[in-house]
């Protein structure tokens, strides 16, 4: 089972790959759209990559609730 730090690190790798986000900028309090400039198309790619990496299914109706990196970490932690 991955720790919060491992999940955050994994998301940082995904965000760098998909959206060109500097991994050093990725922190739990950061908003995907406001702080990290991840647009909706990139967010879909981030979700797909996170599902593959962490073996979790993130339903479309949940994606809209994942506003910050911390929200995503909490969801992945609870569902993997």
Protein backbone atom coordinates (compact mmCIF):
# COMPACT_ATOMS: atom_id res chain seq x y z
CA UNK A 1 0.00 0.00 0.00
CA UNK A 2 1.42 3.35 -1.06
CA UNK A 3 1.96 6.14 1.46
CA UNK A 4 0.67 9.68 0.94
CA UNK A 5 4.23 10.76 0.09
CA UNK A 6 4.58 7.98 -2.50
CA UNK A 7 1.22 8.87 -4.06
CA UNK A 8 2.14 12.58 -4.15
CA UNK A 9 5.48 11.71 -5.73
CA UNK A 10 3.75 9.50 -8.31
CA UNK A 11 1.30 12.28 -9.14
CA UNK A 12 4.22 14.71 -9.50
CA UNK A 13 5.79 12.37 -12.09
CA UNK A 14 2.48 12.12 -13.97
CA UNK A 15 1.92 15.89 -13.88
CA UNK A 16 5.44 16.52 -15.20
CA UNK A 17 4.93 14.03 -18.02
CA UNK A 18 1.42 15.11 -19.02
CA UNK A 19 1.33 18.84 -18.28
CA UNK A 20 4.97 19.89 -17.93
CA UNK A 21 4.54 20.75 -14.24
CA UNK A 22 7.77 21.06 -12.25
CA UNK A 23 7.67 18.19 -9.70
CA UNK A 24 9.02 20.58 -7.05
CA UNK A 25 5.81 22.62 -7.41
CA UNK A 26 3.55 19.65 -6.62
CA UNK A 27 2.25 19.76 -3.03
CA UNK A 28 -1.00 18.62 -1.43
CA UNK A 29 -2.37 22.15 -1.04
CA UNK A 30 -1.83 23.03 -4.72
CA UNK A 31 -4.87 23.39 -6.98
CA UNK A 32 -4.56 21.54 -10.29
CA UNK A 33 -6.09 24.40 -12.27
CA UNK A 34 -5.17 27.53 -10.30
CA UNK A 35 -1.67 26.70 -9.05
CA UNK A 36 -0.39 24.11 -11.52
CA UNK A 37 -2.17 25.33 -14.70
CA UNK A 38 -3.54 21.90 -15.60
CA UNK A 39 -6.34 22.31 -18.15
CA UNK A 40 -9.33 19.99 -18.40
CA UNK A 41 -7.86 17.95 -21.25
CA UNK A 42 -4.59 17.40 -19.36
CA UNK A 43 -6.59 16.54 -16.24
CA UNK A 44 -8.24 13.67 -18.13
CA UNK A 45 -4.77 12.38 -19.06
CA UNK A 46 -3.59 12.77 -15.45
CA UNK A 47 -6.59 10.76 -14.22
CA UNK A 48 -6.01 7.95 -16.76
CA UNK A 49 -2.30 7.80 -15.88
CA UNK A 50 -3.07 7.81 -12.14
CA UNK A 51 -5.60 4.99 -12.59
CA UNK A 52 -2.96 2.90 -14.36
CA UNK A 53 -0.14 3.76 -11.95
CA UNK A 54 -2.11 3.19 -8.74
CA UNK A 55 -4.59 0.54 -9.91
CA UNK A 56 -7.58 2.65 -8.94
CA UNK A 57 -10.73 3.65 -10.84
CA UNK A 58 -11.61 7.34 -10.62
CA UNK A 59 -15.22 7.80 -11.83
CA UNK A 60 -15.95 10.86 -13.98
CA UNK A 61 -18.27 12.25 -11.30
CA UNK A 62 -15.36 12.12 -8.79
CA UNK A 63 -12.85 13.88 -11.04
CA UNK A 64 -14.64 17.22 -10.62
CA UNK A 65 -14.20 16.90 -6.83
CA UNK A 66 -10.42 16.53 -7.15
CA UNK A 67 -9.52 20.21 -6.95
CA UNK A 68 -6.13 19.88 -5.25
CA UNK A 69 -3.28 17.41 -5.28
CA UNK A 70 -4.29 16.51 -1.72
CA UNK A 71 -7.83 15.67 -2.86
CA UNK A 72 -6.40 13.26 -5.43
CA UNK A 73 -3.98 11.73 -2.91
CA UNK A 74 -6.82 11.17 -0.42
CA UNK A 75 -9.03 9.58 -3.09
CA UNK A 76 -6.26 7.26 -4.35
CA UNK A 77 -5.24 6.34 -0.80
CA UNK A 78 -8.85 5.42 0.10
CA UNK A 79 -9.56 3.48 -3.07
CA UNK A 80 -6.46 1.46 -3.93
